[in-house]
Amino acid sequence: IEQNETNNTWTSASPLVVKPVSSSDLMAAAVTTSPSAASAGDTVTFSVALKNQGTVASASGAHGITLTLVDSKGATVKTLTGAHNGAIAAGATTAPVPLGTWTAANGSYTVRTVIAADVNELPVKRENNTSTQALFVGRGA
């Protein structure tokens, strides 16, 4: 039970400053495919750029990327891997990293991309290291 309504506020002489944690924050930009609208039998090339939306550069070295293509039944159809080598500055996006190819088959797919955790990336910033997007091949897919 509140006993004194007059003591519920306080004004500080200095302002409260909240700033983001110092961390890299790697995420995948949208996966690109070539051709962009594949038909069954086409060789589809996958690539993805990495973005560091953090406040500090990533560590140097390899930043692993795993792309998994999953069909509408949840089965893994293809797994592709690649890496960007070198530090990624805060706010920067890399050139697209080639991940490999797949021979397209009619259907609906989920493209799941996982970026390996960076040593400069705090655990709280790793939730966006995994992303998904849809891929459709053929009529009515």
Protein backbone atom coordinates (compact mmCIF):
# COMPACT_ATOMS: atom_id res chain seq x y z
CA ILE A 1 0.00 0.00 0.00
CA GLU A 2 1.38 3.39 -1.06
CA GLN A 3 1.97 5.53 2.01
CA ASN A 4 3.50 8.66 0.50
CA GLU A 5 2.53 9.88 -3.00
CA THR A 6 5.01 12.78 -2.86
CA ASN A 7 8.18 10.66 -3.05
CA ASN A 8 7.50 8.86 -6.35
CA THR A 9 9.72 11.05 -8.55
CA TRP A 10 13.27 12.27 -8.46
CA THR A 11 15.12 14.62 -10.78
CA SER A 12 18.81 14.10 -11.38
CA ALA A 13 21.20 16.95 -12.13
CA SER A 14 22.73 14.92 -14.98
CA PRO A 15 20.79 13.18 -17.77
CA LEU A 16 20.47 9.41 -17.98
CA VAL A 17 22.46 8.18 -20.97
CA VAL A 18 21.72 4.78 -22.45
CA LYS A 19 24.00 3.53 -25.19
CA PRO A 20 24.18 0.26 -27.11
CA VAL A 21 26.48 -2.48 -25.89
CA SER A 22 29.84 -2.72 -27.61
CA SER A 23 29.49 -5.73 -29.85
CA SER A 24 29.63 -6.82 -33.43
CA ASP A 25 26.22 -8.00 -34.70
CA LEU A 26 26.48 -10.15 -37.80
CA MET A 27 23.47 -11.03 -39.90
CA ALA A 28 22.80 -12.30 -43.39
CA ALA A 29 21.55 -9.86 -45.97
CA ALA A 30 18.94 -11.41 -48.27
CA VAL A 31 20.11 -14.55 -50.04
CA THR A 32 20.42 -14.00 -53.77
CA THR A 33 19.83 -16.66 -56.38
CA SER A 34 20.80 -16.75 -60.02
CA PRO A 35 18.59 -17.11 -61.92
CA SER A 36 16.21 -15.18 -59.68
CA ALA A 37 13.15 -17.09 -60.97
CA ALA A 38 14.38 -20.65 -61.47
CA SER A 39 12.57 -23.40 -63.34
CA ALA A 40 12.93 -27.13 -62.73
CA GLY A 41 16.29 -28.34 -64.03
CA ASP A 42 18.00 -24.94 -63.79
CA THR A 43 21.32 -24.71 -61.99
CA VAL A 44 20.68 -22.19 -59.20
CA THR A 45 23.65 -20.34 -57.72
CA PHE A 46 23.26 -19.08 -54.14
CA SER A 47 25.15 -16.20 -52.53
CA VAL A 48 24.70 -14.02 -49.46
CA ALA A 49 26.32 -10.86 -48.12
CA LEU A 50 27.08 -10.39 -44.43
CA LYS A 51 26.13 -7.21 -42.59
CA ASN A 52 27.62 -6.03 -39.30
CA GLN A 53 24.94 -3.90 -37.68
CA GLY A 54 26.90 -3.75 -34.44
CA THR A 55 28.93 -0.98 -32.86
CA VAL A 56 32.38 -2.60 -33.22
CA ALA A 57 34.16 -4.42 -36.02
CA SER A 58 33.96 -8.18 -36.21
CA ALA A 59 37.04 -10.24 -35.52
CA SER A 60 39.36 -10.94 -38.42
CA GLY A 61 39.42 -14.45 -39.84
CA ALA A 62 36.74 -16.60 -41.41
CA HIS A 63 33.04 -15.95 -40.79
CA GLY A 64 31.30 -19.21 -41.66
CA ILE A 65 27.98 -19.31 -43.51
CA THR A 66 25.72 -22.36 -43.80
CA LEU A 67 22.73 -22.34 -46.14
CA THR A 68 20.23 -25.16 -45.84
CA LEU A 69 17.49 -25.69 -48.42
CA VAL A 70 14.49 -27.42 -46.83
CA ASP A 71 11.47 -28.74 -48.75
CA SER A 72 7.81 -28.30 -47.77
CA LYS A 73 7.91 -31.58 -45.78
CA GLY A 74 10.84 -30.38 -43.66
CA ALA A 75 13.47 -32.55 -45.34
CA THR A 76 16.90 -31.09 -46.06
CA VAL A 77 17.41 -30.97 -49.83
CA LYS A 78 20.83 -29.31 -50.00
CA THR A 79 23.39 -27.80 -47.62
CA LEU A 80 25.85 -25.22 -48.92
CA THR A 81 28.68 -23.51 -47.07
CA GLY A 82 30.99 -20.58 -47.53
CA ALA A 83 32.84 -17.93 -45.57
CA HIS A 84 33.81 -14.28 -45.62
CA ASN A 85 37.44 -13.83 -44.63
CA GLY A 86 38.47 -10.70 -42.76
CA ALA A 87 37.08 -8.16 -40.34
CA ILE A 88 33.74 -6.48 -41.11
CA ALA A 89 33.56 -2.87 -39.92
CA ALA A 90 30.62 -1.70 -37.82
CA GLY A 91 27.81 -0.74 -40.21
CA ALA A 92 29.47 -2.39 -43.22
CA THR A 93 28.13 -5.03 -45.60
CA THR A 94 30.41 -7.46 -47.43
CA ALA A 95 30.33 -8.32 -51.10
CA PRO A 96 28.14 -11.37 -51.77
CA VAL A 97 29.78 -14.64 -50.72
CA PRO A 98 29.26 -17.50 -53.21
CA LEU A 99 27.87 -20.59 -51.48
CA GLY A 100 27.37 -23.08 -54.30
CA THR A 101 24.74 -24.47 -56.63
CA TRP A 102 21.64 -26.66 -56.64
CA THR A 103 19.67 -28.20 -59.50
CA ALA A 104 16.17 -26.77 -59.11
CA ALA A 105 13.13 -29.01 -58.73
CA ASN A 106 9.50 -27.88 -58.65
CA GLY A 107 8.23 -27.09 -55.16
CA SER A 108 8.17 -24.72 -52.21
CA TYR A 109 11.32 -24.41 -50.14
CA THR A 110 12.67 -22.61 -47.11
CA VAL A 111 16.18 -21.21 -47.37
CA ARG A 112 17.73 -21.13 -43.87
CA THR A 113 20.96 -19.18 -43.50
CA VAL A 114 23.12 -19.45 -40.38
CA ILE A 115 26.05 -17.12 -39.72
CA ALA A 116 28.64 -18.46 -37.28
CA ALA A 117 28.93 -16.46 -34.06
CA ASP A 118 31.74 -13.91 -34.07
CA VAL A 119 34.13 -13.71 -31.11
CA ASN A 120 33.30 -9.97 -30.80
CA GLU A 121 29.55 -10.67 -30.83
CA LEU A 122 27.83 -10.81 -27.45
CA PRO A 123 25.36 -13.71 -27.02
CA VAL A 124 22.44 -11.25 -26.85
CA LYS A 125 23.33 -10.10 -30.40
CA ARG A 126 23.34 -13.60 -31.94
CA GLU A 127 19.57 -14.09 -32.28
CA ASN A 128 19.64 -12.68 -35.81
CA ASN A 129 22.48 -14.96 -36.96
CA THR A 130 19.83 -17.33 -38.34
CA SER A 131 17.36 -16.17 -40.97
CA THR A 132 14.88 -17.78 -43.35
CA GLN A 133 13.25 -16.86 -46.62
CA ALA A 134 10.96 -18.63 -49.06
CA LEU A 135 11.98 -20.02 -52.45
CA PHE A 136 9.46 -21.22 -55.03
CA VAL A 137 10.23 -23.20 -58.18
CA GLY A 138 7.72 -24.02 -60.93
CA ARG A 139 4.07 -23.30 -61.60
CA GLY A 140 1.85 -23.24 -58.54
CA ALA A 141 4.78 -23.75 -56.19
